[in-house]
Amino acid sequence: MSDKVHTILLVQPNRRPESRTYGDFEHVDDALEGVCKFYEEQLKRQNPHHEQITYDISQLFDFVDSLTDLVILVFRKSSESYEPQNKDWIKEKIYHLLKKQAGGN
């Protein structure tokens, strides 16, 4: 699967329908980074006096699991439709993305 496909990130942090938001990306990796940035923004709001925010992958995954809803829709050219991916898929892809960014294989 090529990661360079149109991708939509749908997030609902809590049960309130007005908390729903989305992101529109040209690459799967960009959408995955969007999940990380969403978490980082929450950490900044919760810790406004900290200049530097750090976290580990287990904290990020706990955050993903805590969201009321999180889905990535990946465009499939073969079917001309969007295929939904769930939290487990998202966590697996984030793990591989962060490992690749850290210089791992």
N, C-alpha and C. Protein backbone atom coordinates (compact mmCIF):
# COMPACT_ATOMS: atom_id res chain seq x y z
N MET A 1 0.84 -1.18 0.00
CA MET A 1 0.00 0.00 0.00
C MET A 1 0.88 1.24 0.00
N SER A 2 0.61 2.15 -0.88
CA SER A 2 1.33 3.42 -0.90
C SER A 2 0.76 4.35 0.16
N ASP A 3 1.65 5.01 0.90
CA ASP A 3 1.19 5.93 1.92
C ASP A 3 0.83 7.29 1.33
N LYS A 4 1.07 7.48 0.03
CA LYS A 4 0.82 8.77 -0.60
C LYS A 4 -0.56 8.77 -1.25
N VAL A 5 -1.57 8.68 -0.39
CA VAL A 5 -2.96 8.68 -0.85
C VAL A 5 -3.75 9.65 0.02
N HIS A 6 -4.78 10.22 -0.57
CA HIS A 6 -5.61 11.17 0.17
C HIS A 6 -6.19 10.49 1.40
N THR A 7 -6.12 11.19 2.52
CA THR A 7 -6.52 10.61 3.81
C THR A 7 -7.29 11.65 4.62
N ILE A 8 -8.35 11.21 5.27
CA ILE A 8 -9.16 12.08 6.13
C ILE A 8 -9.10 11.53 7.55
N LEU A 9 -8.79 12.41 8.49
CA LEU A 9 -8.73 12.05 9.91
C LEU A 9 -9.99 12.58 10.58
N LEU A 10 -10.74 11.70 11.22
CA LEU A 10 -11.96 12.08 11.94
C LEU A 10 -11.73 11.85 13.43
N VAL A 11 -11.94 12.88 14.23
CA VAL A 11 -11.70 12.79 15.67
C VAL A 11 -12.92 13.29 16.44
N GLN A 12 -13.33 12.53 17.43
CA GLN A 12 -14.33 12.98 18.38
C GLN A 12 -13.76 12.71 19.77
N PRO A 13 -13.19 13.74 20.42
CA PRO A 13 -12.51 13.55 21.69
C PRO A 13 -13.41 13.07 22.83
N ASN A 14 -14.66 13.53 22.84
CA ASN A 14 -15.56 13.14 23.92
C ASN A 14 -16.96 12.92 23.35
N ARG A 15 -17.94 12.71 24.23
CA ARG A 15 -19.29 12.37 23.77
C ARG A 15 -20.05 13.55 23.16
N ARG A 16 -19.58 14.76 23.37
CA ARG A 16 -20.28 15.92 22.84
C ARG A 16 -20.10 16.00 21.32
N PRO A 17 -21.21 15.98 20.57
CA PRO A 17 -21.09 16.03 19.11
C PRO A 17 -20.32 17.25 18.61
N GLU A 18 -20.39 18.36 19.33
CA GLU A 18 -19.69 19.56 18.89
C GLU A 18 -18.17 19.45 19.05
N SER A 19 -17.69 18.38 19.70
CA SER A 19 -16.25 18.18 19.84
C SER A 19 -15.64 17.54 18.59
N ARG A 20 -16.47 17.13 17.66
CA ARG A 20 -15.98 16.48 16.44
C ARG A 20 -15.15 17.45 15.61
N THR A 21 -14.08 16.90 15.04
CA THR A 21 -13.25 17.68 14.14
C THR A 21 -12.65 16.74 13.10
N TYR A 22 -12.04 17.31 12.08
CA TYR A 22 -11.43 16.46 11.06
C TYR A 22 -10.20 17.15 10.49
N GLY A 23 -9.38 16.37 9.83
CA GLY A 23 -8.23 16.88 9.11
C GLY A 23 -8.18 16.23 7.75
N ASP A 24 -7.68 16.96 6.78
CA ASP A 24 -7.62 16.52 5.39
C ASP A 24 -6.15 16.48 4.99
N PHE A 25 -5.64 15.31 4.57
CA PHE A 25 -4.21 15.13 4.32
C PHE A 25 -3.97 14.47 2.97
N GLU A 26 -2.81 14.73 2.40
CA GLU A 26 -2.43 14.12 1.12
C GLU A 26 -1.67 12.81 1.30
N HIS A 27 -1.27 12.51 2.53
CA HIS A 27 -0.50 11.30 2.80
C HIS A 27 -0.97 10.68 4.12
N VAL A 28 -0.93 9.36 4.20
CA VAL A 28 -1.30 8.66 5.43
C VAL A 28 -0.40 9.11 6.58
N ASP A 29 0.92 9.20 6.32
CA ASP A 29 1.85 9.60 7.38
C ASP A 29 1.50 10.97 7.94
N ASP A 30 1.04 11.89 7.09
CA ASP A 30 0.64 13.22 7.57
C ASP A 30 -0.55 13.12 8.52
N ALA A 31 -1.49 12.25 8.21
CA ALA A 31 -2.65 12.07 9.09
C ALA A 31 -2.22 11.46 10.42
N LEU A 32 -1.28 10.52 10.38
CA LEU A 32 -0.77 9.91 11.62
C LEU A 32 -0.05 10.95 12.47
N GLU A 33 0.74 11.80 11.82
CA GLU A 33 1.39 12.89 12.54
C GLU A 33 0.35 13.86 13.10
N GLY A 34 -0.78 13.99 12.40
CA GLY A 34 -1.88 14.82 12.88
C GLY A 34 -2.43 14.30 14.20
N VAL A 35 -2.50 13.00 14.36
CA VAL A 35 -2.94 12.41 15.63
C VAL A 35 -1.97 12.79 16.74
N CYS A 36 -0.68 12.67 16.45
CA CYS A 36 0.35 13.03 17.45
C CYS A 36 0.26 14.50 17.81
N LYS A 37 0.08 15.36 16.82
CA LYS A 37 -0.03 16.80 17.07
C LYS A 37 -1.27 17.13 17.89
N PHE A 38 -2.37 16.42 17.63
CA PHE A 38 -3.60 16.61 18.39
C PHE A 38 -3.34 16.32 19.87
N TYR A 39 -2.62 15.24 20.14
CA TYR A 39 -2.27 14.88 21.52
C TYR A 39 -1.34 15.94 22.11
N GLU A 40 -0.35 16.37 21.35
CA GLU A 40 0.59 17.37 21.84
C GLU A 40 -0.11 18.68 22.18
N GLU A 41 -1.09 19.07 21.37
CA GLU A 41 -1.85 20.29 21.65
C GLU A 41 -2.63 20.16 22.96
N GLN A 42 -3.19 18.98 23.19
CA GLN A 42 -3.91 18.75 24.45
C GLN A 42 -2.94 18.85 25.63
N LEU A 43 -1.76 18.25 25.49
CA LEU A 43 -0.76 18.32 26.56
C LEU A 43 -0.36 19.77 26.84
N LYS A 44 -0.22 20.56 25.80
CA LYS A 44 0.15 21.98 25.97
C LYS A 44 -0.95 22.74 26.71
N ARG A 45 -2.21 22.43 26.39
CA ARG A 45 -3.33 23.08 27.09
C ARG A 45 -3.37 22.67 28.56
N GLN A 46 -3.06 21.41 28.83
CA GLN A 46 -3.08 20.90 30.21
C GLN A 46 -1.88 21.37 31.02
N ASN A 47 -0.79 21.72 30.35
CA ASN A 47 0.46 22.12 31.01
C ASN A 47 0.98 23.42 30.43
N PRO A 48 0.22 24.52 30.58
CA PRO A 48 0.58 25.77 29.90
C PRO A 48 1.90 26.38 30.38
N HIS A 49 2.38 26.02 31.54
CA HIS A 49 3.60 26.63 32.08
C HIS A 49 4.85 25.82 31.77
N HIS A 50 4.70 24.69 31.10
CA HIS A 50 5.86 23.88 30.74
C HIS A 50 6.35 24.31 29.36
N GLU A 51 7.63 24.62 29.26
CA GLU A 51 8.19 25.02 27.96
C GLU A 51 8.32 23.83 27.03
N GLN A 52 8.67 22.69 27.59
CA GLN A 52 8.86 21.50 26.77
C GLN A 52 7.95 20.39 27.28
N ILE A 53 7.25 19.76 26.36
CA ILE A 53 6.34 18.67 26.70
C ILE A 53 6.94 17.38 26.14
N THR A 54 7.05 16.37 26.98
CA THR A 54 7.52 15.07 26.52
C THR A 54 6.49 14.01 26.89
N TYR A 55 6.50 12.95 26.11
CA TYR A 55 5.60 11.82 26.37
C TYR A 55 6.18 10.59 25.70
N ASP A 56 5.71 9.43 26.14
CA ASP A 56 6.16 8.21 25.47
C ASP A 56 4.99 7.61 24.68
N ILE A 57 5.30 6.60 23.91
CA ILE A 57 4.30 6.04 23.00
C ILE A 57 3.14 5.41 23.75
N SER A 58 3.38 4.87 24.95
CA SER A 58 2.27 4.27 25.70
C SER A 58 1.27 5.35 26.14
N GLN A 59 1.77 6.54 26.47
CA GLN A 59 0.87 7.65 26.83
C GLN A 59 0.07 8.10 25.61
N LEU A 60 0.72 8.15 24.45
CA LEU A 60 0.03 8.50 23.21
C LEU A 60 -1.06 7.47 22.91
N PHE A 61 -0.74 6.19 23.07
CA PHE A 61 -1.73 5.14 22.79
C PHE A 61 -2.88 5.17 23.79
N ASP A 62 -2.59 5.49 25.06
CA ASP A 62 -3.67 5.65 26.04
C ASP A 62 -4.60 6.79 25.63
N PHE A 63 -4.02 7.86 25.12
CA PHE A 63 -4.82 8.99 24.64
C PHE A 63 -5.70 8.54 23.47
N VAL A 64 -5.12 7.83 22.51
CA VAL A 64 -5.89 7.34 21.36
C VAL A 64 -7.06 6.49 21.85
N ASP A 65 -6.79 5.60 22.79
CA ASP A 65 -7.85 4.73 23.32
C ASP A 65 -8.93 5.51 24.08
N SER A 66 -8.55 6.65 24.65
CA SER A 66 -9.50 7.44 25.44
C SER A 66 -10.46 8.25 24.58
N LEU A 67 -10.12 8.45 23.32
CA LEU A 67 -10.99 9.24 22.45
C LEU A 67 -12.30 8.51 22.19
N THR A 68 -13.40 9.25 22.19
CA THR A 68 -14.69 8.64 21.91
C THR A 68 -14.68 7.99 20.53
N ASP A 69 -14.10 8.69 19.55
CA ASP A 69 -14.01 8.12 18.20
C ASP A 69 -12.77 8.67 17.50
N LEU A 70 -12.10 7.81 16.78
CA LEU A 70 -10.95 8.18 15.97
C LEU A 70 -10.91 7.22 14.79
N VAL A 71 -10.98 7.79 13.59
CA VAL A 71 -10.98 6.98 12.37
C VAL A 71 -10.14 7.70 11.33
N ILE A 72 -9.40 6.94 10.57
CA ILE A 72 -8.71 7.47 9.40
C ILE A 72 -9.35 6.84 8.18
N LEU A 73 -9.75 7.68 7.24
CA LEU A 73 -10.32 7.21 5.98
C LEU A 73 -9.24 7.32 4.90
N VAL A 74 -8.87 6.19 4.31
CA VAL A 74 -7.80 6.15 3.31
C VAL A 74 -8.42 5.90 1.95
N PHE A 75 -8.14 6.79 0.98
CA PHE A 75 -8.69 6.65 -0.36
C PHE A 75 -8.07 5.47 -1.08
N ARG A 76 -8.91 4.64 -1.64
CA ARG A 76 -8.46 3.49 -2.44
C ARG A 76 -8.83 3.75 -3.90
N LYS A 77 -7.81 3.96 -4.71
CA LYS A 77 -8.04 4.27 -6.12
C LYS A 77 -8.76 3.12 -6.82
N SER A 78 -8.42 1.88 -6.45
CA SER A 78 -9.01 0.72 -7.11
C SER A 78 -10.53 0.67 -6.98
N SER A 79 -11.04 1.12 -5.86
CA SER A 79 -12.49 1.09 -5.65
C SER A 79 -13.12 2.48 -5.70
N GLU A 80 -12.25 3.51 -5.85
CA GLU A 80 -12.73 4.90 -5.86
C GLU A 80 -13.57 5.21 -4.62
N SER A 81 -13.09 4.71 -3.47
CA SER A 81 -13.82 4.95 -2.22
C SER A 81 -12.82 5.07 -1.06
N TYR A 82 -13.33 5.50 0.08
CA TYR A 82 -12.52 5.63 1.28
C TYR A 82 -12.71 4.41 2.17
N GLU A 83 -11.59 3.87 2.63
CA GLU A 83 -11.61 2.69 3.50
C GLU A 83 -11.32 3.14 4.93
N PRO A 84 -12.24 2.89 5.86
CA PRO A 84 -12.02 3.32 7.26
C PRO A 84 -11.00 2.42 7.96
N GLN A 85 -10.17 3.07 8.77
CA GLN A 85 -9.17 2.35 9.58
C GLN A 85 -9.42 2.70 11.04
N ASN A 86 -9.38 1.70 11.91
CA ASN A 86 -9.73 1.89 13.31
C ASN A 86 -8.53 2.27 14.18
N LYS A 87 -8.77 2.39 15.47
CA LYS A 87 -7.72 2.81 16.42
C LYS A 87 -6.54 1.84 16.44
N ASP A 88 -6.79 0.55 16.39
CA ASP A 88 -5.68 -0.42 16.41
C ASP A 88 -4.78 -0.25 15.19
N TRP A 89 -5.38 -0.06 14.02
CA TRP A 89 -4.61 0.18 12.80
C TRP A 89 -3.81 1.47 12.94
N ILE A 90 -4.45 2.51 13.46
CA ILE A 90 -3.79 3.81 13.63
C ILE A 90 -2.60 3.68 14.57
N LYS A 91 -2.77 2.98 15.69
CA LYS A 91 -1.67 2.82 16.65
C LYS A 91 -0.51 2.03 16.03
N GLU A 92 -0.83 1.00 15.28
CA GLU A 92 0.23 0.22 14.63
C GLU A 92 1.02 1.09 13.64
N LYS A 93 0.30 1.86 12.84
CA LYS A 93 0.96 2.72 11.85
C LYS A 93 1.76 3.83 12.54
N ILE A 94 1.25 4.39 13.62
CA ILE A 94 2.00 5.41 14.36
C ILE A 94 3.28 4.80 14.92
N TYR A 95 3.20 3.60 15.46
CA TYR A 95 4.38 2.93 16.00
C TYR A 95 5.46 2.82 14.93
N HIS A 96 5.07 2.34 13.73
CA HIS A 96 6.04 2.17 12.65
C HIS A 96 6.57 3.51 12.15
N LEU A 97 5.70 4.52 12.11
CA LEU A 97 6.14 5.86 11.68
C LEU A 97 7.17 6.43 12.65
N LEU A 98 6.88 6.36 13.95
CA LEU A 98 7.81 6.91 14.94
C LEU A 98 9.13 6.13 14.97
N LYS A 99 9.03 4.82 14.78
CA LYS A 99 10.24 4.00 14.73
C LYS A 99 11.09 4.40 13.52
N LYS A 100 10.45 4.62 12.39
CA LYS A 100 11.16 5.04 11.18
C LYS A 100 11.80 6.42 11.38
N GLN A 101 11.06 7.33 12.01
CA GLN A 101 11.59 8.68 12.26
C GLN A 101 12.77 8.66 13.24
N ALA A 102 12.76 7.68 14.15
CA ALA A 102 13.84 7.57 15.14
C ALA A 102 15.07 6.86 14.56
N GLY A 103 14.96 6.43 13.31
CA GLY A 103 16.08 5.79 12.66
C GLY A 103 16.05 4.28 12.69
N GLY A 104 14.96 3.71 13.18
CA GLY A 104 14.81 2.27 13.20
C GLY A 104 14.29 1.76 11.86
N ASN A 105 14.21 0.45 11.73
CA ASN A 105 13.71 -0.11 10.46
C ASN A 105 12.27 -0.44 10.54
